[in-house]
């Protein structure tokens, strides 16, 4: 959200993903210089709104920074069909009051 605000007007498309768990050293925020540790749950991508991301705040920051499109990429989640996962993400975004 800080990066969206910092670079307002320079991100017309924002790529959204959601996940649970952690990869590698447990610091998914390392690339942006934050030292947050996530829990020990195995890493898995999830539909937007079904993981640990604060989707409403990210979407709000993106729109306020001038984003015209929020793009959802859905990786496999093994117990659901891909189109069901896509619908879950779409329903989450449609349900946001922005």
PDB file of N, CA and C in Angstrom:
ATOM      1  N   UNK A   1       0.818  -1.177   0.000  1.00  0.00           N
ATOM      2  CA  UNK A   1       0.000   0.000   0.000  1.00  0.00           C
ATOM      3  C   UNK A   1       0.869   1.250   0.000  1.00  0.00           C
ATOM      4  N   UNK A   2       1.978   1.173   0.753  1.00  0.00           N
ATOM      5  CA  UNK A   2       2.893   2.311   0.772  1.00  0.00           C
ATOM      6  C   UNK A   2       3.476   2.571  -0.613  1.00  0.00           C
ATOM      7  N   UNK A   3       3.827   1.501  -1.326  1.00  0.00           N
ATOM      8  CA  UNK A   3       4.382   1.666  -2.668  1.00  0.00           C
ATOM      9  C   UNK A   3       3.348   2.230  -3.632  1.00  0.00           C
ATOM     10  N   UNK A   4       2.112   1.815  -3.508  1.00  0.00           N
ATOM     11  CA  UNK A   4       1.063   2.364  -4.373  1.00  0.00           C
ATOM     12  C   UNK A   4       0.918   3.861  -4.132  1.00  0.00           C
ATOM     13  N   UNK A   5       0.937   4.240  -2.857  1.00  0.00           N
ATOM     14  CA  UNK A   5       0.833   5.676  -2.541  1.00  0.00           C
ATOM     15  C   UNK A   5       2.075   6.429  -3.020  1.00  0.00           C
ATOM     16  N   UNK A   6       3.243   5.844  -2.798  1.00  0.00           N
ATOM     17  CA  UNK A   6       4.491   6.501  -3.191  1.00  0.00           C
ATOM     18  C   UNK A   6       4.557   6.731  -4.701  1.00  0.00           C
ATOM     19  N   UNK A   7       4.080   5.770  -5.465  1.00  0.00           N
ATOM     20  CA  UNK A   7       4.153   5.859  -6.922  1.00  0.00           C
ATOM     21  C   UNK A   7       2.787   6.114  -7.547  1.00  0.00           C
ATOM     22  N   UNK A   8       1.976   6.909  -6.870  1.00  0.00           N
ATOM     23  CA  UNK A   8       0.643   7.240  -7.371  1.00  0.00           C
ATOM     24  C   UNK A   8       0.729   7.769  -8.802  1.00  0.00           C
ATOM     25  N   UNK A   9      -0.195   7.311  -9.628  1.00  0.00           N
ATOM     26  CA  UNK A   9      -0.233   7.734 -11.017  1.00  0.00           C
ATOM     27  C   UNK A   9       0.679   6.928 -11.924  1.00  0.00           C
ATOM     28  N   UNK A  10       1.441   6.005 -11.356  1.00  0.00           N
ATOM     29  CA  UNK A  10       2.393   5.234 -12.150  1.00  0.00           C
ATOM     30  C   UNK A  10       2.060   3.747 -12.195  1.00  0.00           C
ATOM     31  N   UNK A  11       0.898   3.369 -11.667  1.00  0.00           N
ATOM     32  CA  UNK A  11       0.512   1.952 -11.652  1.00  0.00           C
ATOM     33  C   UNK A  11      -0.944   1.826 -12.100  1.00  0.00           C
ATOM     34  N   UNK A  12      -1.202   1.935 -13.405  1.00  0.00           N
ATOM     35  CA  UNK A  12      -2.583   1.838 -13.873  1.00  0.00           C
ATOM     36  C   UNK A  12      -3.161   0.433 -13.739  1.00  0.00           C
ATOM     37  N   UNK A  13      -2.288  -0.567 -13.598  1.00  0.00           N
ATOM     38  CA  UNK A  13      -2.713  -1.953 -13.430  1.00  0.00           C
ATOM     39  C   UNK A  13      -2.053  -2.494 -12.168  1.00  0.00           C
ATOM     40  N   UNK A  14      -2.856  -3.058 -11.269  1.00  0.00           N
ATOM     41  CA  UNK A  14      -2.322  -3.639 -10.040  1.00  0.00           C
ATOM     42  C   UNK A  14      -2.660  -5.127 -10.019  1.00  0.00           C
ATOM     43  N   UNK A  15      -1.623  -5.927  -9.882  1.00  0.00           N
ATOM     44  CA  UNK A  15      -1.717  -7.384  -9.871  1.00  0.00           C
ATOM     45  C   UNK A  15      -1.945  -7.831  -8.432  1.00  0.00           C
ATOM     46  N   UNK A  16      -3.077  -8.484  -8.189  1.00  0.00           N
ATOM     47  CA  UNK A  16      -3.417  -8.913  -6.832  1.00  0.00           C
ATOM     48  C   UNK A  16      -3.320 -10.424  -6.702  1.00  0.00           C
ATOM     49  N   UNK A  17      -2.752 -10.873  -5.586  1.00  0.00           N
ATOM     50  CA  UNK A  17      -2.683 -12.293  -5.244  1.00  0.00           C
ATOM     51  C   UNK A  17      -2.903 -12.412  -3.750  1.00  0.00           C
ATOM     52  N   UNK A  18      -3.287 -13.573  -3.331  1.00  0.00           N
ATOM     53  CA  UNK A  18      -3.444 -13.823  -1.905  1.00  0.00           C
ATOM     54  C   UNK A  18      -2.809 -15.170  -1.588  1.00  0.00           C
ATOM     55  N   UNK A  19      -2.442 -15.356  -0.345  1.00  0.00           N
ATOM     56  CA  UNK A  19      -1.738 -16.570   0.054  1.00  0.00           C
ATOM     57  C   UNK A  19      -1.848 -16.776   1.548  1.00  0.00           C
ATOM     58  N   UNK A  20      -1.443 -17.958   1.988  1.00  0.00           N
ATOM     59  CA  UNK A  20      -1.234 -18.232   3.407  1.00  0.00           C
ATOM     60  C   UNK A  20       0.166 -18.822   3.541  1.00  0.00           C
ATOM     61  N   UNK A  21       0.684 -18.807   4.750  1.00  0.00           N
ATOM     62  CA  UNK A  21       1.971 -19.435   5.016  1.00  0.00           C
ATOM     63  C   UNK A  21       3.146 -18.603   4.592  1.00  0.00           C
ATOM     64  N   UNK A  22       4.284 -19.274   4.395  1.00  0.00           N
ATOM     65  CA  UNK A  22       5.505 -18.571   4.051  1.00  0.00           C
ATOM     66  C   UNK A  22       6.365 -19.432   3.147  1.00  0.00           C
ATOM     67  N   UNK A  23       7.276 -18.781   2.457  1.00  0.00           N
ATOM     68  CA  UNK A  23       8.249 -19.456   1.602  1.00  0.00           C
ATOM     69  C   UNK A  23       9.640 -19.151   2.139  1.00  0.00           C
ATOM     70  N   UNK A  24      10.568 -20.015   1.870  1.00  0.00           N
ATOM     71  CA  UNK A  24      11.972 -19.736   2.197  1.00  0.00           C
ATOM     72  C   UNK A  24      12.191 -19.435   3.658  1.00  0.00           C
ATOM     73  N   UNK A  25      12.707 -18.236   3.937  1.00  0.00           N
ATOM     74  CA  UNK A  25      13.068 -17.881   5.309  1.00  0.00           C
ATOM     75  C   UNK A  25      11.897 -17.321   6.106  1.00  0.00           C
ATOM     76  N   UNK A  26      10.691 -17.373   5.553  1.00  0.00           N
ATOM     77  CA  UNK A  26       9.529 -16.896   6.295  1.00  0.00           C
ATOM     78  C   UNK A  26       9.342 -15.399   6.241  1.00  0.00           C
ATOM     79  N   UNK A  27      10.018 -14.702   5.332  1.00  0.00           N
ATOM     80  CA  UNK A  27       9.900 -13.258   5.249  1.00  0.00           C
ATOM     81  C   UNK A  27       9.413 -12.828   3.858  1.00  0.00           C
ATOM     82  N   UNK A  28       8.127 -13.009   3.555  1.00  0.00           N
ATOM     83  CA  UNK A  28       7.624 -12.605   2.234  1.00  0.00           C
ATOM     84  C   UNK A  28       7.694 -11.105   2.014  1.00  0.00           C
ATOM     85  N   UNK A  29       7.969 -10.327   3.073  1.00  0.00           N
ATOM     86  CA  UNK A  29       8.044  -8.880   2.940  1.00  0.00           C
ATOM     87  C   UNK A  29       9.486  -8.401   2.760  1.00  0.00           C
ATOM     88  N   UNK A  30      10.427  -9.309   2.674  1.00  0.00           N
ATOM     89  CA  UNK A  30      11.834  -8.950   2.578  1.00  0.00           C
ATOM     90  C   UNK A  30      12.162  -8.070   1.388  1.00  0.00           C
ATOM     91  N   UNK A  31      11.457  -8.265   0.286  1.00  0.00           N
ATOM     92  CA  UNK A  31      11.731  -7.471  -0.912  1.00  0.00           C
ATOM     93  C   UNK A  31      11.398  -5.994  -0.734  1.00  0.00           C
ATOM     94  N   UNK A  32      10.508  -5.681   0.205  1.00  0.00           N
ATOM     95  CA  UNK A  32      10.151  -4.274   0.405  1.00  0.00           C
ATOM     96  C   UNK A  32      10.720  -3.731   1.714  1.00  0.00           C
ATOM     97  N   UNK A  33      11.671  -4.459   2.294  1.00  0.00           N
ATOM     98  CA  UNK A  33      12.404  -3.937   3.439  1.00  0.00           C
ATOM     99  C   UNK A  33      11.686  -4.020   4.766  1.00  0.00           C
ATOM    100  N   UNK A  34      10.638  -4.822   4.858  1.00  0.00           N
ATOM    101  CA  UNK A  34       9.963  -4.984   6.132  1.00  0.00           C
ATOM    102  C   UNK A  34      10.424  -6.286   6.758  1.00  0.00           C
ATOM    103  N   UNK A  35      10.450  -6.337   8.053  1.00  0.00           N
ATOM    104  CA  UNK A  35      10.942  -7.513   8.755  1.00  0.00           C
ATOM    105  C   UNK A  35       9.795  -8.230   9.455  1.00  0.00           C
ATOM    106  N   UNK A  36       8.758  -8.568   8.705  1.00  0.00           N
ATOM    107  CA  UNK A  36       7.639  -9.295   9.284  1.00  0.00           C
ATOM    108  C   UNK A  36       7.875 -10.784   9.094  1.00  0.00           C
ATOM    109  N   UNK A  37       7.542 -11.550  10.091  1.00  0.00           N
ATOM    110  CA  UNK A  37       7.617 -13.003   9.990  1.00  0.00           C
ATOM    111  C   UNK A  37       6.194 -13.539   9.878  1.00  0.00           C
ATOM    112  N   UNK A  38       5.976 -14.469   8.951  1.00  0.00           N
ATOM    113  CA  UNK A  38       4.667 -15.090   8.864  1.00  0.00           C
ATOM    114  C   UNK A  38       4.679 -16.381   9.661  1.00  0.00           C
ATOM    115  N   UNK A  39       3.502 -16.953   9.850  1.00  0.00           N
ATOM    116  CA  UNK A  39       3.407 -18.171  10.642  1.00  0.00           C
ATOM    117  C   UNK A  39       4.061 -19.358   9.927  1.00  0.00           C
ATOM    118  N   UNK A  40       4.061 -20.498  10.563  1.00  0.00           N
ATOM    119  CA  UNK A  40       4.765 -21.661  10.036  1.00  0.00           C
ATOM    120  C   UNK A  40       3.916 -22.510   9.100  1.00  0.00           C
ATOM    121  N   UNK A  41       2.766 -22.027   8.677  1.00  0.00           N
ATOM    122  CA  UNK A  41       1.893 -22.771   7.776  1.00  0.00           C
ATOM    123  C   UNK A  41       2.568 -22.906   6.414  1.00  0.00           C
ATOM    124  N   UNK A  42       2.429 -24.067   5.780  1.00  0.00           N
ATOM    125  CA  UNK A  42       2.970 -24.288   4.441  1.00  0.00           C
ATOM    126  C   UNK A  42       2.412 -23.231   3.483  1.00  0.00           C
ATOM    127  N   UNK A  43       3.251 -22.721   2.598  1.00  0.00           N
ATOM    128  CA  UNK A  43       2.844 -21.681   1.657  1.00  0.00           C
ATOM    129  C   UNK A  43       1.847 -22.236   0.641  1.00  0.00           C
ATOM    130  N   UNK A  44       0.756 -21.504   0.417  1.00  0.00           N
ATOM    131  CA  UNK A  44      -0.233 -21.841  -0.607  1.00  0.00           C
ATOM    132  C   UNK A  44      -0.853 -20.547  -1.122  1.00  0.00           C
ATOM    133  N   UNK A  45      -1.017 -20.447  -2.437  1.00  0.00           N
ATOM    134  CA  UNK A  45      -1.795 -19.344  -2.987  1.00  0.00           C
ATOM    135  C   UNK A  45      -3.262 -19.624  -2.707  1.00  0.00           C
ATOM    136  N   UNK A  46      -4.041 -18.567  -2.547  1.00  0.00           N
ATOM    137  CA  UNK A  46      -5.473 -18.674  -2.287  1.00  0.00           C
ATOM    138  C   UNK A  46      -6.209 -17.645  -3.142  1.00  0.00           C
ATOM    139  N   UNK A  47      -7.516 -17.823  -3.310  1.00  0.00           N
ATOM    140  CA  UNK A  47      -8.283 -16.787  -4.005  1.00  0.00           C
ATOM    141  C   UNK A  47      -8.166 -15.471  -3.232  1.00  0.00           C
ATOM    142  N   UNK A  48      -8.272 -14.374  -3.940  1.00  0.00           N
ATOM    143  CA  UNK A  48      -8.196 -13.060  -3.300  1.00  0.00           C
ATOM    144  C   UNK A  48      -9.302 -12.963  -2.241  1.00  0.00           C
ATOM    145  N   UNK A  49      -8.890 -12.619  -1.029  1.00  0.00           N
ATOM    146  CA  UNK A  49      -9.829 -12.526   0.078  1.00  0.00           C
ATOM    147  C   UNK A  49      -9.849 -13.755   0.966  1.00  0.00           C
ATOM    148  N   UNK A  50      -9.109 -14.795   0.606  1.00  0.00           N
ATOM    149  CA  UNK A  50      -9.090 -16.045   1.365  1.00  0.00           C
ATOM    150  C   UNK A  50      -7.700 -16.347   1.930  1.00  0.00           C
ATOM    151  N   UNK A  51      -6.854 -15.359   1.954  1.00  0.00           N
ATOM    152  CA  UNK A  51      -5.503 -15.521   2.483  1.00  0.00           C
ATOM    153  C   UNK A  51      -5.228 -14.447   3.518  1.00  0.00           C
ATOM    154  N   UNK A  52      -3.994 -14.018   3.588  1.00  0.00           N
ATOM    155  CA  UNK A  52      -3.583 -13.074   4.630  1.00  0.00           C
ATOM    156  C   UNK A  52      -3.528 -11.621   4.163  1.00  0.00           C
ATOM    157  N   UNK A  53      -3.728 -11.361   2.878  1.00  0.00           N
ATOM    158  CA  UNK A  53      -3.674  -9.982   2.384  1.00  0.00           C
ATOM    159  C   UNK A  53      -4.905  -9.191   2.834  1.00  0.00           C
ATOM    160  N   UNK A  54      -4.714  -7.923   3.146  1.00  0.00           N
ATOM    161  CA  UNK A  54      -5.830  -7.037   3.465  1.00  0.00           C
ATOM    162  C   UNK A  54      -6.341  -6.478   2.140  1.00  0.00           C
ATOM    163  N   UNK A  55      -7.183  -7.251   1.477  1.00  0.00           N
ATOM    164  CA  UNK A  55      -7.625  -6.961   0.116  1.00  0.00           C
ATOM    165  C   UNK A  55      -8.310  -5.604   0.019  1.00  0.00           C
ATOM    166  N   UNK A  56      -9.157  -5.287   0.961  1.00  0.00           N
ATOM    167  CA  UNK A  56      -9.865  -4.009   0.912  1.00  0.00           C
ATOM    168  C   UNK A  56      -8.887  -2.841   0.955  1.00  0.00           C
ATOM    169  N   UNK A  57      -7.923  -2.887   1.843  1.00  0.00           N
ATOM    170  CA  UNK A  57      -6.954  -1.793   1.946  1.00  0.00           C
ATOM    171  C   UNK A  57      -6.066  -1.701   0.711  1.00  0.00           C
ATOM    172  N   UNK A  58      -5.654  -2.857   0.162  1.00  0.00           N
ATOM    173  CA  UNK A  58      -4.822  -2.852  -1.041  1.00  0.00           C
ATOM    174  C   UNK A  58      -5.610  -2.285  -2.217  1.00  0.00           C
ATOM    175  N   UNK A  59      -6.842  -2.749  -2.402  1.00  0.00           N
ATOM    176  CA  UNK A  59      -7.671  -2.261  -3.513  1.00  0.00           C
ATOM    177  C   UNK A  59      -7.959  -0.772  -3.356  1.00  0.00           C
ATOM    178  N   UNK A  60      -8.248  -0.342  -2.150  1.00  0.00           N
ATOM    179  CA  UNK A  60      -8.515   1.074  -1.899  1.00  0.00           C
ATOM    180  C   UNK A  60      -7.280   1.919  -2.219  1.00  0.00           C
ATOM    181  N   UNK A  61      -6.121   1.477  -1.760  1.00  0.00           N
ATOM    182  CA  UNK A  61      -4.880   2.214  -2.037  1.00  0.00           C
ATOM    183  C   UNK A  61      -4.603   2.249  -3.536  1.00  0.00           C
ATOM    184  N   UNK A  62      -4.845   1.131  -4.218  1.00  0.00           N
ATOM    185  CA  UNK A  62      -4.616   1.074  -5.664  1.00  0.00           C
ATOM    186  C   UNK A  62      -5.510   2.068  -6.399  1.00  0.00           C
ATOM    187  N   UNK A  63      -6.783   2.081  -6.069  1.00  0.00           N
ATOM    188  CA  UNK A  63      -7.716   2.997  -6.746  1.00  0.00           C
ATOM    189  C   UNK A  63      -7.390   4.453  -6.437  1.00  0.00           C
ATOM    190  N   UNK A  64      -7.061   4.740  -5.183  1.00  0.00           N
ATOM    191  CA  UNK A  64      -6.693   6.113  -4.812  1.00  0.00           C
ATOM    192  C   UNK A  64      -5.408   6.558  -5.491  1.00  0.00           C
ATOM    193  N   UNK A  65      -4.539   5.597  -5.829  1.00  0.00           N
ATOM    194  CA  UNK A  65      -3.275   5.922  -6.502  1.00  0.00           C
ATOM    195  C   UNK A  65      -3.443   5.984  -8.015  1.00  0.00           C
ATOM    196  N   UNK A  66      -4.664   5.787  -8.493  1.00  0.00           N
ATOM    197  CA  UNK A  66      -4.929   5.934  -9.918  1.00  0.00           C
ATOM    198  C   UNK A  66      -5.010   4.656 -10.725  1.00  0.00           C
ATOM    199  N   UNK A  67      -5.041   3.507 -10.073  1.00  0.00           N
ATOM    200  CA  UNK A  67      -5.163   2.245 -10.813  1.00  0.00           C
ATOM    201  C   UNK A  67      -6.502   2.206 -11.545  1.00  0.00           C
ATOM    202  N   UNK A  68      -6.455   1.749 -12.774  1.00  0.00           N
ATOM    203  CA  UNK A  68      -7.662   1.588 -13.575  1.00  0.00           C
ATOM    204  C   UNK A  68      -8.135   0.138 -13.580  1.00  0.00           C
ATOM    205  N   UNK A  69      -7.214  -0.777 -13.321  1.00  0.00           N
ATOM    206  CA  UNK A  69      -7.521  -2.203 -13.355  1.00  0.00           C
ATOM    207  C   UNK A  69      -6.905  -2.904 -12.162  1.00  0.00           C
ATOM    208  N   UNK A  70      -7.652  -3.825 -11.559  1.00  0.00           N
ATOM    209  CA  UNK A  70      -7.130  -4.747 -10.557  1.00  0.00           C
ATOM    210  C   UNK A  70      -7.151  -6.120 -11.216  1.00  0.00           C
ATOM    211  N   UNK A  71      -5.997  -6.697 -11.401  1.00  0.00           N
ATOM    212  CA  UNK A  71      -5.860  -7.975 -12.084  1.00  0.00           C
ATOM    213  C   UNK A  71      -5.658  -9.072 -11.045  1.00  0.00           C
ATOM    214  N   UNK A  72      -6.438 -10.130 -11.150  1.00  0.00           N
ATOM    215  CA  UNK A  72      -6.306 -11.266 -10.247  1.00  0.00           C
ATOM    216  C   UNK A  72      -5.701 -12.434 -11.011  1.00  0.00           C
ATOM    217  N   UNK A  73      -4.617 -12.965 -10.489  1.00  0.00           N
ATOM    218  CA  UNK A  73      -4.022 -14.187 -11.030  1.00  0.00           C
ATOM    219  C   UNK A  73      -4.283 -15.287 -10.022  1.00  0.00           C
ATOM    220  N   UNK A  74      -4.906 -16.347 -10.465  1.00  0.00           N
ATOM    221  CA  UNK A  74      -5.199 -17.445  -9.544  1.00  0.00           C
ATOM    222  C   UNK A  74      -4.339 -18.655  -9.853  1.00  0.00           C
ATOM    223  N   UNK A  75      -3.459 -18.966  -8.945  1.00  0.00           N
ATOM    224  CA  UNK A  75      -2.680 -20.192  -9.045  1.00  0.00           C
ATOM    225  C   UNK A  75      -3.534 -21.342  -8.517  1.00  0.00           C
ATOM    226  N   UNK A  76      -3.082 -22.559  -8.739  1.00  0.00           N
ATOM    227  CA  UNK A  76      -3.849 -23.723  -8.302  1.00  0.00           C
ATOM    228  C   UNK A  76      -4.019 -23.763  -6.796  1.00  0.00           C
ATOM    229  N   UNK A  77      -5.189 -24.178  -6.411  1.00  0.00           N
ATOM    230  CA  UNK A  77      -5.490 -24.522  -5.021  1.00  0.00           C
ATOM    231  C   UNK A  77      -6.140 -25.879  -5.144  1.00  0.00           C
ATOM    232  N   UNK A  78      -5.539 -26.894  -4.657  1.00  0.00           N
ATOM    233  CA  UNK A  78      -5.774 -28.253  -5.093  1.00  0.00           C
ATOM    234  C   UNK A  78      -7.146 -28.841  -4.808  1.00  0.00           C
ATOM    235  N   UNK A  79      -7.917 -28.281  -3.912  1.00  0.00           N
ATOM    236  CA  UNK A  79      -9.213 -28.893  -3.624  1.00  0.00           C
ATOM    237  C   UNK A  79     -10.387 -28.180  -4.301  1.00  0.00           C
ATOM    238  N   UNK A  80     -10.123 -27.264  -5.226  1.00  0.00           N
ATOM    239  CA  UNK A  80     -11.186 -26.541  -5.922  1.00  0.00           C
ATOM    240  C   UNK A  80     -10.868 -26.404  -7.403  1.00  0.00           C
ATOM    241  N   UNK A  81     -11.918 -26.298  -8.220  1.00  0.00           N
ATOM    242  CA  UNK A  81     -11.747 -26.118  -9.663  1.00  0.00           C
ATOM    243  C   UNK A  81     -11.297 -24.688  -9.958  1.00  0.00           C
ATOM    244  N   UNK A  82     -10.466 -24.474 -10.981  1.00  0.00           N
ATOM    245  CA  UNK A  82      -9.955 -23.135 -11.293  1.00  0.00           C
ATOM    246  C   UNK A  82     -11.047 -22.077 -11.485  1.00  0.00           C
ATOM    247  N   UNK A  83     -12.115 -22.412 -12.161  1.00  0.00           N
ATOM    248  CA  UNK A  83     -13.172 -21.407 -12.388  1.00  0.00           C
ATOM    249  C   UNK A  83     -13.910 -21.071 -11.090  1.00  0.00           C
ATOM    250  N   UNK A  84     -14.013 -22.017 -10.190  1.00  0.00           N
ATOM    251  CA  UNK A  84     -14.611 -21.745  -8.880  1.00  0.00           C
ATOM    252  C   UNK A  84     -13.720 -20.776  -8.103  1.00  0.00           C
ATOM    253  N   UNK A  85     -12.407 -20.983  -8.180  1.00  0.00           N
ATOM    254  CA  UNK A  85     -11.462 -20.087  -7.512  1.00  0.00           C
ATOM    255  C   UNK A  85     -11.536 -18.681  -8.086  1.00  0.00           C
ATOM    256  N   UNK A  86     -11.620 -18.580  -9.411  1.00  0.00           N
ATOM    257  CA  UNK A  86     -11.731 -17.262 -10.050  1.00  0.00           C
ATOM    258  C   UNK A  86     -12.998 -16.562  -9.587  1.00  0.00           C
ATOM    259  N   UNK A  87     -14.100 -17.295  -9.498  1.00  0.00           N
ATOM    260  CA  UNK A  87     -15.361 -16.707  -9.042  1.00  0.00           C
ATOM    261  C   UNK A  87     -15.242 -16.225  -7.595  1.00  0.00           C
ATOM    262  N   UNK A  88     -14.550 -16.986  -6.763  1.00  0.00           N
ATOM    263  CA  UNK A  88     -14.366 -16.572  -5.371  1.00  0.00           C
ATOM    264  C   UNK A  88     -13.638 -15.231  -5.303  1.00  0.00           C
ATOM    265  N   UNK A  89     -12.581 -15.067  -6.108  1.00  0.00           N
ATOM    266  CA  UNK A  89     -11.846 -13.798  -6.132  1.00  0.00           C
ATOM    267  C   UNK A  89     -12.721 -12.668  -6.650  1.00  0.00           C
ATOM    268  N   UNK A  90     -13.449 -12.912  -7.734  1.00  0.00           N
ATOM    269  CA  UNK A  90     -14.341 -11.892  -8.301  1.00  0.00           C
ATOM    270  C   UNK A  90     -15.392 -11.487  -7.276  1.00  0.00           C
ATOM    271  N   UNK A  91     -15.990 -12.456  -6.618  1.00  0.00           N
ATOM    272  CA  UNK A  91     -17.009 -12.151  -5.603  1.00  0.00           C
ATOM    273  C   UNK A  91     -16.442 -11.307  -4.478  1.00  0.00           C
ATOM    274  N   UNK A  92     -15.208 -11.604  -4.069  1.00  0.00           N
ATOM    275  CA  UNK A  92     -14.562 -10.800  -3.027  1.00  0.00           C
ATOM    276  C   UNK A  92     -14.425  -9.349  -3.487  1.00  0.00           C
ATOM    277  N   UNK A  93     -13.893  -9.151  -4.688  1.00  0.00           N
ATOM    278  CA  UNK A  93     -13.681  -7.783  -5.182  1.00  0.00           C
ATOM    279  C   UNK A  93     -15.003  -7.053  -5.369  1.00  0.00           C
ATOM    280  N   UNK A  94     -16.004  -7.744  -5.876  1.00  0.00           N
ATOM    281  CA  UNK A  94     -17.325  -7.106  -6.057  1.00  0.00           C
ATOM    282  C   UNK A  94     -17.966  -6.721  -4.737  1.00  0.00           C
ATOM    283  N   UNK A  95     -17.648  -7.463  -3.685  1.00  0.00           N
ATOM    284  CA  UNK A  95     -18.241  -7.198  -2.370  1.00  0.00           C
ATOM    285  C   UNK A  95     -17.571  -6.079  -1.590  1.00  0.00           C
ATOM    286  N   UNK A  96     -16.456  -5.579  -2.092  1.00  0.00           N
ATOM    287  CA  UNK A  96     -15.759  -4.506  -1.380  1.00  0.00           C
ATOM    288  C   UNK A  96     -16.516  -3.191  -1.545  1.00  0.00           C
ATOM    289  N   UNK A  97     -16.620  -2.450  -0.477  1.00  0.00           N
ATOM    290  CA  UNK A  97     -17.224  -1.123  -0.543  1.00  0.00           C
ATOM    291  C   UNK A  97     -16.088  -0.106  -0.618  1.00  0.00           C
ATOM    292  N   UNK A  98     -15.755   0.277  -1.835  1.00  0.00           N
ATOM    293  CA  UNK A  98     -14.642   1.205  -2.031  1.00  0.00           C
ATOM    294  C   UNK A  98     -15.125   2.585  -2.405  1.00  0.00           C
TER     295      UNK A  98
END
